[in-house]
Amino acid sequence: MRSVFHKLAIAIFLLVIFAAADTFRGGFGSDTLFRAAAGETIAIGGKLSVSPEDLAELRDFDPEKASTYLDTSLGTHDAEVRLLELQGRIWRGELTVGRGAAGGEFLLRVMPKGGSPDEDATIYQVRLFPDAEALRLDLPSFCERRLGIRPFWVFLSLLPLGLGCLGVSFLLSNREDGRKQAAGLGPIYRMARDKESWKIIFGLGSVHGVHDGDRLLLLDKTGKVVGDLVAEKVGPEAAHAEVDLKIDLAPGFLVARSDAPGLARRRNGQG
């Protein structure tokens, strides 16, 4: 059961990573591209390419006086732009698309009143779609494009689920280790190889009946005895030892008392 929750947690965290990457992908799209479907009104805005001095005295304006400061030009009659705010070079507005608008991509030019279209205009792309479904299929986010869900919400929903599975796996692992330790079987917590031997720390200590100098058995993943070792620096719940380099030590090996119940007393595959 522990391995099931552990594998489930890994699978969920892979999805969490994917959702996070998909969130960044959708969030770092072009800031000069606006998408809108027929019948929609969306917020638009940007930064003018004119120098700050040209608009140094402007802080905001009434939408009714927008034409006093800025000109807009959109290459279609299927949509219209309404300017709402200007602060320095930052402008904001709304794009309203007609209900019967056909799809297409058009250029939106925004520039100061009386400016040169070639030198002072800031150019944006406006991509129109006949319906919301067509717009969704054009989005950069996989989650939005295929599932119709913002990846941020996928991330938020999966993260606690993954943490929960990881917590259950950890709890079950501790219980399983506790049962093994009570039976005289200890997991290897740390192993490091040097020139002369493996240095290991394993989960058997004085509370499990192990003392300094005790000779213990080393088991592989299948429970087969593959060698022995001598316990050193024995603490209440863990101890140190050295293992011969001839043994191909790997994660999942166990250290066992010689009197551990049910222990198959075989060395190197022989009874």
Protein backbone atom coordinates (compact mmCIF):
# COMPACT_ATOMS: atom_id res chain seq x y z
CA MET A 1 0.00 0.00 0.00
CA ARG A 2 2.89 2.37 0.79
CA SER A 3 4.36 1.91 -2.69
CA VAL A 4 0.96 2.65 -4.26
CA PHE A 5 0.69 6.01 -2.49
CA HIS A 6 4.34 6.76 -3.23
CA LYS A 7 3.91 6.11 -6.96
CA LEU A 8 0.65 8.07 -6.96
CA ALA A 9 2.39 11.02 -5.28
CA ILE A 10 5.17 10.94 -7.89
CA ALA A 11 2.62 10.86 -10.73
CA ILE A 12 0.68 13.78 -9.22
CA PHE A 13 3.83 15.86 -8.69
CA LEU A 14 4.79 15.29 -12.32
CA LEU A 15 1.38 16.70 -13.27
CA VAL A 16 1.94 19.59 -10.84
CA ILE A 17 5.25 20.39 -12.55
CA PHE A 18 3.55 20.21 -15.94
CA ALA A 19 0.74 22.52 -14.74
CA ALA A 20 3.30 25.00 -13.35
CA ALA A 21 5.21 24.99 -16.65
CA ASP A 22 1.94 25.39 -18.54
CA THR A 23 1.02 28.33 -16.30
CA PHE A 24 4.31 30.07 -17.09
CA ARG A 25 3.92 29.30 -20.78
CA GLY A 26 0.48 30.90 -20.85
CA GLY A 27 1.56 33.83 -18.70
CA PHE A 28 4.58 34.76 -20.79
CA GLY A 29 2.78 35.16 -24.09
CA SER A 30 3.18 38.18 -26.30
CA ASP A 31 2.07 41.46 -24.67
CA THR A 32 1.29 42.91 -28.09
CA LEU A 33 -1.28 40.26 -29.04
CA PHE A 34 -4.95 40.49 -28.08
CA ARG A 35 -7.43 37.66 -28.62
CA ALA A 36 -11.19 38.12 -28.65
CA ALA A 37 -14.23 36.18 -29.84
CA ALA A 38 -17.35 37.50 -31.55
CA GLY A 39 -19.66 39.26 -29.08
CA GLU A 40 -16.93 39.76 -26.45
CA THR A 41 -15.57 42.87 -24.80
CA ILE A 42 -12.05 42.43 -23.42
CA ALA A 43 -9.60 44.66 -21.59
CA ILE A 44 -6.57 45.73 -23.61
CA GLY A 45 -3.60 47.94 -22.90
CA GLY A 46 0.07 48.49 -23.45
CA LYS A 47 2.99 50.86 -23.42
CA LEU A 48 3.39 53.54 -26.07
CA SER A 49 6.67 53.64 -27.94
CA VAL A 50 6.92 57.45 -27.83
CA SER A 51 9.43 59.04 -25.44
CA PRO A 52 8.30 59.92 -21.88
CA GLU A 53 8.83 63.65 -22.58
CA ASP A 54 6.09 63.64 -25.16
CA LEU A 55 3.53 62.67 -22.52
CA ALA A 56 5.21 64.02 -19.39
CA GLU A 57 2.27 66.26 -18.45
CA LEU A 58 -0.36 63.55 -18.86
CA ARG A 59 -1.43 61.47 -15.87
CA ASP A 60 -4.94 60.35 -16.74
CA PHE A 61 -7.87 61.45 -18.84
CA ASP A 62 -11.61 61.19 -19.25
CA PRO A 63 -12.54 58.62 -21.94
CA GLU A 64 -14.69 61.29 -23.61
CA LYS A 65 -11.56 63.35 -24.23
CA ALA A 66 -9.46 60.47 -25.48
CA SER A 67 -9.26 61.79 -29.00
CA THR A 68 -7.51 64.88 -27.61
CA TYR A 69 -4.46 62.82 -26.75
CA LEU A 70 -4.41 59.57 -28.74
CA ASP A 71 -5.40 58.14 -32.09
CA THR A 72 -6.24 54.48 -32.68
CA SER A 73 -6.57 52.63 -35.93
CA LEU A 74 -7.83 49.07 -36.33
CA GLY A 75 -7.93 47.42 -39.74
CA THR A 76 -11.45 46.00 -39.41
CA HIS A 77 -15.01 47.17 -38.86
CA ASP A 78 -15.83 44.01 -36.88
CA ALA A 79 -14.38 45.48 -33.68
CA GLU A 80 -13.85 48.87 -32.06
CA VAL A 81 -11.47 50.23 -29.44
CA ARG A 82 -12.49 52.47 -26.54
CA LEU A 83 -9.69 54.19 -24.61
CA LEU A 84 -10.17 54.39 -20.85
CA GLU A 85 -6.94 55.53 -19.19
CA LEU A 86 -3.52 56.98 -19.84
CA GLN A 87 -0.76 57.33 -17.26
CA GLY A 88 2.62 58.33 -18.63
CA ARG A 89 3.11 55.99 -21.57
CA ILE A 90 0.79 53.27 -20.21
CA TRP A 91 -2.63 53.15 -21.83
CA ARG A 92 -5.67 50.97 -21.14
CA GLY A 93 -8.89 50.43 -22.97
CA GLU A 94 -11.53 47.98 -24.16
CA LEU A 95 -11.92 46.03 -27.38
CA THR A 96 -15.51 45.21 -28.34
CA VAL A 97 -16.13 42.65 -31.08
CA GLY A 98 -19.38 42.51 -33.05
CA ARG A 99 -21.54 39.40 -32.69
CA GLY A 100 -21.28 38.50 -36.35
CA ALA A 101 -17.56 39.10 -36.62
CA ALA A 102 -15.55 36.71 -38.75
CA GLY A 103 -12.16 35.46 -37.71
CA GLY A 104 -8.98 37.18 -38.75
CA GLU A 105 -5.82 38.94 -37.61
CA PHE A 106 -5.56 42.72 -37.75
CA LEU A 107 -3.16 45.48 -36.74
CA LEU A 108 -4.05 47.98 -34.04
CA ARG A 109 -2.08 51.24 -34.10
CA VAL A 110 -2.04 53.49 -31.04
CA MET A 111 -0.18 56.82 -31.14
CA PRO A 112 -0.31 60.38 -29.81
CA LYS A 113 -2.70 62.72 -31.60
CA GLY A 114 -1.01 64.22 -34.64
CA GLY A 115 1.94 61.84 -34.47
CA SER A 116 3.57 60.09 -37.39
CA PRO A 117 2.07 56.64 -38.14
CA ASP A 118 5.50 55.39 -39.18
CA GLU A 119 7.53 56.81 -36.27
CA ASP A 120 5.19 57.27 -33.30
CA ALA A 121 2.65 54.44 -33.63
CA THR A 122 2.79 51.43 -31.33
CA ILE A 123 1.56 48.38 -33.24
CA TYR A 124 -0.42 45.51 -31.71
CA GLN A 125 -1.94 42.37 -33.19
CA VAL A 126 -5.66 41.76 -32.72
CA ARG A 127 -6.74 38.19 -33.40
CA LEU A 128 -10.50 37.74 -33.76
CA PHE A 129 -12.39 34.44 -33.66
CA PRO A 130 -15.96 33.54 -34.66
CA ASP A 131 -16.65 31.90 -31.28
CA ALA A 132 -15.09 31.10 -27.90
CA GLU A 133 -14.20 27.55 -28.94
CA ALA A 134 -12.05 28.77 -31.82
CA LEU A 135 -10.32 31.23 -29.48
CA ARG A 136 -9.64 28.51 -26.90
CA LEU A 137 -7.92 26.31 -29.50
CA ASP A 138 -5.50 29.17 -30.23
CA LEU A 139 -4.33 29.64 -26.62
CA PRO A 140 -0.70 28.77 -25.77
CA SER A 141 -1.68 26.85 -22.61
CA PHE A 142 -2.29 23.12 -23.13
CA CYS A 143 -4.71 22.97 -20.18
CA GLU A 144 -6.80 25.83 -21.54
CA ARG A 145 -6.59 24.59 -25.12
CA ARG A 146 -7.48 20.93 -24.45
CA LEU A 147 -9.31 20.96 -21.13
CA GLY A 148 -10.81 24.42 -21.01
CA ILE A 149 -9.24 24.93 -17.54
CA ARG A 150 -6.64 27.48 -16.52
CA PRO A 151 -3.43 25.63 -15.55
CA PHE A 152 -3.13 27.71 -12.38
CA TRP A 153 -6.27 26.04 -10.99
CA VAL A 154 -4.97 22.61 -12.01
CA PHE A 155 -1.79 23.41 -10.10
CA LEU A 156 -3.70 24.53 -6.99
CA SER A 157 -5.97 21.48 -6.99
CA LEU A 158 -3.25 18.87 -7.56
CA LEU A 159 -0.62 20.26 -5.16
CA PRO A 160 -2.48 19.45 -1.89
CA LEU A 161 -3.51 16.07 -3.31
CA GLY A 162 0.11 15.22 -4.09
CA LEU A 163 1.25 16.41 -0.65
CA GLY A 164 -1.49 14.31 0.94
CA CYS A 165 -0.41 11.16 -0.92
CA LEU A 166 3.21 11.85 -0.01
CA GLY A 167 2.23 12.27 3.64
CA VAL A 168 0.26 9.00 3.65
CA SER A 169 3.19 7.23 1.98
CA PHE A 170 5.58 8.62 4.60
CA LEU A 171 3.26 7.55 7.44
CA LEU A 172 2.85 4.04 6.05
CA SER A 173 6.60 3.83 5.46
CA ASN A 174 7.30 4.75 9.08
CA ARG A 175 4.81 2.15 10.29
CA GLU A 176 6.31 -0.49 8.02
CA ASP A 177 9.84 0.37 9.18
CA GLY A 178 8.63 0.23 12.78
CA ARG A 179 7.23 -3.27 12.30
CA LYS A 180 10.45 -4.43 10.63
CA GLN A 181 12.61 -2.91 13.36
CA ALA A 182 10.52 -4.59 16.05
CA ALA A 183 11.18 -7.89 14.24
CA GLY A 184 14.93 -7.20 14.05
CA LEU A 185 15.10 -5.86 10.49
CA GLY A 186 16.50 -2.36 9.93
CA PRO A 187 16.54 -0.26 6.74
CA ILE A 188 19.77 1.35 5.57
CA TYR A 189 19.39 5.13 5.91
CA ARG A 190 22.71 6.19 4.44
CA MET A 191 25.51 4.52 2.53
CA ALA A 192 28.76 5.99 1.28
CA ARG A 193 31.61 4.25 -0.52
CA ASP A 194 35.24 4.98 0.24
CA LYS A 195 38.47 3.25 -0.83
CA GLU A 196 38.25 0.46 1.75
CA SER A 197 34.56 -0.22 2.46
CA TRP A 198 30.96 0.91 2.44
CA LYS A 199 30.09 3.17 5.37
CA ILE A 200 26.43 2.73 6.32
CA ILE A 201 23.94 3.93 8.91
CA PHE A 202 21.03 1.57 9.53
CA GLY A 203 17.84 1.58 11.55
CA LEU A 204 18.61 -0.80 14.40
CA GLY A 205 19.73 0.39 17.82
CA SER A 206 19.76 -0.44 21.48
CA VAL A 207 15.95 -0.29 21.74
CA HIS A 208 15.89 -3.11 19.17
CA GLY A 209 18.37 -5.26 21.10
CA VAL A 210 21.51 -4.27 19.18
CA HIS A 211 24.76 -3.35 20.97
CA ASP A 212 28.28 -2.34 20.01
CA GLY A 213 30.20 -5.27 18.50
CA ASP A 214 27.12 -7.34 17.61
CA ARG A 215 27.49 -9.24 14.34
CA LEU A 216 24.46 -8.71 12.11
CA LEU A 217 23.38 -10.02 8.73
CA LEU A 218 23.02 -8.07 5.51
CA LEU A 219 20.02 -8.87 3.31
CA ASP A 220 19.36 -7.89 -0.29
CA LYS A 221 15.98 -6.70 -1.62
CA THR A 222 14.67 -10.27 -1.83
CA GLY A 223 15.55 -11.03 1.80
CA LYS A 224 18.52 -13.23 0.90
CA VAL A 225 21.56 -13.07 3.18
CA VAL A 226 24.48 -11.62 1.19
CA GLY A 227 26.96 -10.85 3.97
CA ASP A 228 27.46 -9.73 7.54
CA LEU A 229 28.74 -6.73 9.46
CA VAL A 230 29.62 -5.51 12.96
CA ALA A 231 27.52 -2.83 14.64
CA GLU A 232 29.42 0.31 15.73
CA LYS A 233 28.41 3.56 17.43
CA VAL A 234 25.08 2.08 18.40
CA GLY A 235 22.47 4.64 19.40
CA PRO A 236 18.92 4.13 20.63
CA GLU A 237 17.43 3.65 17.13
CA ALA A 238 20.35 3.58 14.68
CA ALA A 239 23.92 2.35 14.34
CA HIS A 240 26.96 2.58 12.05
CA ALA A 241 28.83 -0.22 10.29
CA GLU A 242 31.28 -1.02 7.52
CA VAL A 243 30.44 -3.39 4.64
CA ASP A 244 32.89 -5.18 2.34
CA LEU A 245 33.23 -3.56 -1.07
CA LYS A 246 32.76 -6.96 -2.70
CA ILE A 247 29.05 -6.68 -1.85
CA ASP A 248 27.09 -4.79 -4.47
CA LEU A 249 25.22 -2.68 -1.94
CA ALA A 250 22.06 -0.96 -3.21
CA PRO A 251 19.04 0.95 -1.86
CA GLY A 252 16.48 -1.42 -0.37
CA PHE A 253 18.99 -3.65 1.42
CA LEU A 254 18.30 -4.46 5.10
CA VAL A 255 20.35 -5.19 8.19
CA ALA A 256 19.01 -7.99 10.42
CA ARG A 257 19.66 -9.52 13.78
CA SER A 258 20.58 -13.16 13.44
CA ASP A 259 17.51 -14.11 15.49
CA ALA A 260 15.06 -12.11 13.38
CA PRO A 261 11.88 -14.23 12.98
CA GLY A 262 11.28 -15.68 9.53
CA LEU A 263 14.78 -14.86 8.34
CA ALA A 264 15.90 -17.07 5.48
CA ARG A 265 19.39 -18.08 6.50
CA ARG A 266 20.98 -18.28 3.14
CA ARG A 267 24.23 -16.78 2.03
CA ASN A 268 24.88 -15.93 -1.60
CA GLY A 269 21.87 -18.00 -2.72
CA GLN A 270 22.91 -21.19 -0.93
CA GLY A 271 21.07 -22.86 1.99
